[in-house]
Amino acid sequence: MRFATRHYSAALTTALALSAAVSARRYPDSDAGSGQKQKVMSGSGRGDAGSNPLDDDFAAFARAALDRWHVPGIAVAVVDREETWTEGYGISSFPSTPVTPSTLFYGGSTTKAFTAAIVSLLIASGEHSVSPSGPLSWRTPLAQLLGDDFVLAPEYDWAAAHLTLEDALSHRTGFPRHDKALGRQYGADAHAATVRDVARSLRYLPMVSEPRVEWRYCNVMYMVVSHAVQVLTNEWLGDVMRDRIWAPLGMNDTFLSVEEAIREGRVVADGYYWDYKGEREGKGKGGFVEVPKLGLGLASGAGGVVSNVGDYARWVRCLIRGDREGDGDGCTVLPKEAHRELKKVRIVQGPESKKGYDAPLAYGLGWEVGTYKGHRLFKHSGGMEAYGALVYFFPDLEYGVVTLANTAVTSNIVGQELIWKLVDDKLGIPKEDRYDWAGLGDKTIQKALKQPETAVEELYPERANPPLPRTLPLQEYVGVYSHPAYQNITIELVDGTDTPAAKGSAKTERKGAELKANRGNMEWQMMFEFIHVSGEFWAVVIDMLNTPNSLNGQLARAEFVVGVKGKVDKLEMEFLEDGSEGIVVFDRVA
């Protein structure tokens, strides 16, 4: 599904972002399945459970945050013991459609918790056995589930035989992201990509650490688990999630396909990015740019959910109730043992994850785990090309907050500000003891905006000075380079003319770039721009074709390999999303 690109002026968007918040949606008391009683209401006042935290003061705070971070709109849900409040602020779709609690947004990686929960249900059912391991368990090797669909490179024989469901769902397989290896088509017949294709591509991808040693976020492994679930159940994962979790919880506005959500008549927020470059240039440029709605077929259990804050509040309440000691009023959609397993720490993250928490975070199964001011915390973020999602809950406090919004990166900066204001107000944390989430957001944005200009220094701080000349004339580097998983990269000249990176998107050519590669044929559509450093070494600035404002930008190192015949034979690239993703070698094929 594609929409024409539209620009909305800064003046208009500011006025709309500061418009009155949509009134809180009030639901009647209802049983939402398996003890999931939820009361969603409006009110006034602050403080103890029973008073609405989403009051006029909070609305003003939310509108100011939307305006400051250039986010059109956001929806918020607060779960506090037996009560739930939901609210919408700002714009869902320009020119004037407001966000309401019913508005659907992409949930991104908040999907992962549902995927892990489905595996927990399959394990708890006792209905699945895997030869020769016996009953399905968290420690069932993926190779025994998927056979020839789960094969790794020969040097990873031990990992191929021993990596388990638990390893994949806790990001401790030793594989990095490899998101840029996700194709839209696979095979000689160029069929539409499936999670099975993604699983089979692992045999061509490098690991970056030993299994179970280092936490490395990897969407690909959640796609592998999606494939495993579909093999075990002989059903599409979206149907499994609906039958076993969403329908029992009354989550009737939750889908694993944006196309299905639209067919069912749901309102899905449009996504946008803020044109920082146009804003700097002035002359009426800048403002919000609408982004095409991305299909979610391949995202599957890694990031495919589309939902609203009301439904997510039901999910959060289930997770909170399932954590209660004894029988109590638990959420029986998931057995007690499943709740415990999902929240159990599997691996510790790096020290940089501490931020405002008591200690560095850990990871369970689809959840980040930590403590804040002595209170246990479970959380996860999600992000798509033009959407953001945050889910936080404190089981001991029986308290949770969800935010969904319609830009990339900045959505979750706003979401963090809102969530932590609510949490800190709830706990009565003095102003001086609160973490500066807004300051962190500003540093994140400024670094991203400067990254294209600082790429060479960041990637090659010890480069030759003066730089060595490249071996061949620039035209000799133009061609098609291929890798069995990352597929084709077609290198072209940057000729200095204003060439749109893709139909309907902004121009992205960087100062100093001499070569480029349009990756519009991949699941994540990107432009690679090559800046010469020294000899055959190049810095690569990567930006999204549909949201080319650098906030989702990345860097890579590249080296062209000149063969004995004096021609370029290979292109070696080291992608650097969340650290090195290993060396990927593309052979020149044309």
Foldseek 3Di string as FASTA:
>chain_A
DFDFKDFDFLVQLLVQLQDAWDDKDFDDFDQQFQLLTAGEDAAADDEAPPHDPCHPVLLNVLSVLCSVLVFQWKKKWKFFPRYIIIIIGGALEPPHHTDGLQAKEFFFQLLQLLLLLLLLVQQVVQPDAFPPVGGDDQFDQLCSLPPLLAAAAPVCVVLSGGPGNQQLLFQQSQFAAVQLLFFQADDPVRDGDALSVLSNLNNQFDGHDHGLPARHDYLNSQSSSQVSVCSRVVDHLFVSSCVLPQNNLVQPQKTLWPVVNVVVPGHYGWAWAWAPVQVVVDPRDTHIITFTDATRRSSGSRTRMMGGPVSVSSVLLQLLQLPDPDDPSHRVSGPNVSSVQQQDFRAFHDQVQPQQFPGGWTTGRSWIWGHHPRFTKTKDKRFDQGKIKIWIDGSVSSMIMIMIGHGGLSSVLSVVVSVQVSVCSNVVPDPVSGGPSNVVSVVLVVCLQCCVVCQLCVVCVPADVVAADELDPPVLVAAWWQGNRSGIWGKDFDPPDQDQLDPNFHGAADVQFTIKTFQCRRSQTKIWTWHDGHYQKTKIKIAGSRHRNRSPIFIKIKGFDQDPVRGTFWIWIFTADVHTSDITIIGGDD
